[in-house]
Amino acid sequence: MAHNLFVSYRPSVADRDLTSLTRAIASLGGYTQVQEGFWYISSNKSAETAVEVIRDNIDPSDTLIVIDASKNEFEMNRNLREQAESRIRHMWD
């Protein structure tokens, strides 16, 4: 089953080389960069798996969230602002 994944990524350091990030995203399926730091991926992987794959290719202090629009699910690393993460989890259907 295809998953419609949206990836939002923000490096903790400006001007970081994004080669390994782009390779990780490409390994998940067909993708397109929508905006700087924002991609759409058509993947057979879940949001949870996508976070694991991408997290292994970025700095631990970077911010990452993956939204599975096809299943109404999301996963993130723990660098999102605590208040934002709490509000998203509270309001998510």
C-alpha atoms as a PDB file:
ATOM      1  CA  MET A   1       0.000   0.000   0.000  1.00  0.00           C
ATOM      2  CA  ALA A   2       1.330   3.417  -0.920  1.00  0.00           C
ATOM      3  CA  HIS A   3       1.691   5.988   1.819  1.00  0.00           C
ATOM      4  CA  ASN A   4       1.465   9.709   1.095  1.00  0.00           C
ATOM      5  CA  LEU A   5       4.262  11.015   3.290  1.00  0.00           C
ATOM      6  CA  PHE A   6       5.105  14.651   3.907  1.00  0.00           C
ATOM      7  CA  VAL A   7       8.511  15.351   5.451  1.00  0.00           C
ATOM      8  CA  SER A   8       9.422  18.598   7.157  1.00  0.00           C
ATOM      9  CA  TYR A   9      13.081  18.999   8.082  1.00  0.00           C
ATOM     10  CA  ARG A  10      15.035  21.833   9.665  1.00  0.00           C
ATOM     11  CA  PRO A  11      18.767  21.539  10.305  1.00  0.00           C
ATOM     12  CA  SER A  12      20.053  22.839  13.625  1.00  0.00           C
ATOM     13  CA  VAL A  13      23.007  24.408  11.790  1.00  0.00           C
ATOM     14  CA  ALA A  14      22.596  26.589   8.705  1.00  0.00           C
ATOM     15  CA  ASP A  15      24.271  25.528   5.445  1.00  0.00           C
ATOM     16  CA  ARG A  16      24.381  21.835   6.346  1.00  0.00           C
ATOM     17  CA  ASP A  17      25.139  19.475   3.447  1.00  0.00           C
ATOM     18  CA  LEU A  18      21.843  17.739   2.654  1.00  0.00           C
ATOM     19  CA  THR A  19      23.262  14.962   0.443  1.00  0.00           C
ATOM     20  CA  SER A  20      22.693  12.149   2.969  1.00  0.00           C
ATOM     21  CA  LEU A  21      19.217  13.492   3.791  1.00  0.00           C
ATOM     22  CA  THR A  22      18.265  13.557   0.109  1.00  0.00           C
ATOM     23  CA  ARG A  23      19.558   9.998  -0.366  1.00  0.00           C
ATOM     24  CA  ALA A  24      17.539   8.820   2.640  1.00  0.00           C
ATOM     25  CA  ILE A  25      14.394  10.474   1.265  1.00  0.00           C
ATOM     26  CA  ALA A  26      15.010   8.961  -2.193  1.00  0.00           C
ATOM     27  CA  SER A  27      15.418   5.501  -0.643  1.00  0.00           C
ATOM     28  CA  LEU A  28      11.832   5.708   0.639  1.00  0.00           C
ATOM     29  CA  GLY A  29      10.219   6.018  -2.819  1.00  0.00           C
ATOM     30  CA  GLY A  30       9.288   8.578  -5.432  1.00  0.00           C
ATOM     31  CA  TYR A  31       9.669  12.083  -4.052  1.00  0.00           C
ATOM     32  CA  THR A  32       9.570  15.747  -4.883  1.00  0.00           C
ATOM     33  CA  GLN A  33      10.780  18.720  -2.919  1.00  0.00           C
ATOM     34  CA  VAL A  34       7.777  21.008  -2.391  1.00  0.00           C
ATOM     35  CA  GLN A  35       9.590  23.837  -0.601  1.00  0.00           C
ATOM     36  CA  GLU A  36      12.890  24.276   1.175  1.00  0.00           C
ATOM     37  CA  GLY A  37      12.900  21.689   3.946  1.00  0.00           C
ATOM     38  CA  PHE A  38       9.597  20.109   2.819  1.00  0.00           C
ATOM     39  CA  TRP A  39       9.121  16.989   0.645  1.00  0.00           C
ATOM     40  CA  TYR A  40       6.314  14.754  -0.577  1.00  0.00           C
ATOM     41  CA  ILE A  41       7.119  11.022  -0.851  1.00  0.00           C
ATOM     42  CA  SER A  42       5.011   8.220  -2.295  1.00  0.00           C
ATOM     43  CA  SER A  43       6.311   5.266  -0.289  1.00  0.00           C
ATOM     44  CA  ASN A  44       5.487   1.743   0.789  1.00  0.00           C
ATOM     45  CA  LYS A  45       7.064   2.639   4.150  1.00  0.00           C
ATOM     46  CA  SER A  46       5.163   3.909   7.189  1.00  0.00           C
ATOM     47  CA  ALA A  47       5.760   7.295   8.809  1.00  0.00           C
ATOM     48  CA  GLU A  48       7.492   5.515  11.693  1.00  0.00           C
ATOM     49  CA  THR A  49       9.888   3.712   9.337  1.00  0.00           C
ATOM     50  CA  ALA A  50      10.507   6.909   7.378  1.00  0.00           C
ATOM     51  CA  VAL A  51      11.493   8.752  10.555  1.00  0.00           C
ATOM     52  CA  GLU A  52      13.925   5.950  11.423  1.00  0.00           C
ATOM     53  CA  VAL A  53      15.511   5.969   7.938  1.00  0.00           C
ATOM     54  CA  ILE A  54      15.835   9.743   7.812  1.00  0.00           C
ATOM     55  CA  ARG A  55      16.924  10.112  11.454  1.00  0.00           C
ATOM     56  CA  ASP A  56      19.878   7.802  10.757  1.00  0.00           C
ATOM     57  CA  ASN A  57      21.049  10.304   8.106  1.00  0.00           C
ATOM     58  CA  ILE A  58      20.719  13.629   9.919  1.00  0.00           C
ATOM     59  CA  ASP A  59      22.278  15.268  12.943  1.00  0.00           C
ATOM     60  CA  PRO A  60      20.567  14.299  16.226  1.00  0.00           C
ATOM     61  CA  SER A  61      19.839  17.959  16.969  1.00  0.00           C
ATOM     62  CA  ASP A  62      17.953  18.557  13.682  1.00  0.00           C
ATOM     63  CA  THR A  63      14.151  18.806  13.653  1.00  0.00           C
ATOM     64  CA  LEU A  64      12.097  16.276  11.705  1.00  0.00           C
ATOM     65  CA  ILE A  65       8.413  15.432  11.343  1.00  0.00           C
ATOM     66  CA  VAL A  66       6.839  12.926   8.922  1.00  0.00           C
ATOM     67  CA  ILE A  67       3.104  13.014   8.253  1.00  0.00           C
ATOM     68  CA  ASP A  68       1.311  10.089   6.608  1.00  0.00           C
ATOM     69  CA  ALA A  69      -1.611  11.818   4.908  1.00  0.00           C
ATOM     70  CA  SER A  70      -3.011   8.511   3.654  1.00  0.00           C
ATOM     71  CA  LYS A  71      -3.404   7.101   7.165  1.00  0.00           C
ATOM     72  CA  ASN A  72      -3.824  10.278   9.231  1.00  0.00           C
ATOM     73  CA  GLU A  73      -0.662   9.499  11.245  1.00  0.00           C
ATOM     74  CA  PHE A  74       2.515  11.354  12.089  1.00  0.00           C
ATOM     75  CA  GLU A  75       5.893  10.638  13.649  1.00  0.00           C
ATOM     76  CA  MET A  76       8.662  12.996  14.697  1.00  0.00           C
ATOM     77  CA  ASN A  77      12.020  13.125  16.308  1.00  0.00           C
ATOM     78  CA  ARG A  78      12.150  14.766  19.711  1.00  0.00           C
ATOM     79  CA  ASN A  79      13.551  18.119  18.601  1.00  0.00           C
ATOM     80  CA  LEU A  80      10.228  19.746  17.810  1.00  0.00           C
ATOM     81  CA  ARG A  81       9.419  22.437  20.329  1.00  0.00           C
ATOM     82  CA  GLU A  82       7.826  20.648  23.273  1.00  0.00           C
ATOM     83  CA  GLN A  83       4.753  22.900  23.194  1.00  0.00           C
ATOM     84  CA  ALA A  84       4.231  22.304  19.460  1.00  0.00           C
ATOM     85  CA  GLU A  85       4.545  18.538  19.847  1.00  0.00           C
ATOM     86  CA  SER A  86       2.113  18.518  22.764  1.00  0.00           C
ATOM     87  CA  ARG A  87      -0.435  20.656  20.900  1.00  0.00           C
ATOM     88  CA  ILE A  88      -0.210  18.530  17.737  1.00  0.00           C
ATOM     89  CA  ARG A  89      -0.747  15.310  19.716  1.00  0.00           C
ATOM     90  CA  HIS A  90      -3.668  16.899  21.611  1.00  0.00           C
ATOM     91  CA  MET A  91      -5.444  18.191  18.495  1.00  0.00           C
ATOM     92  CA  TRP A  92      -4.685  15.275  16.130  1.00  0.00           C
ATOM     93  CA  ASP A  93      -7.750  13.257  15.115  1.00  0.00           C
END
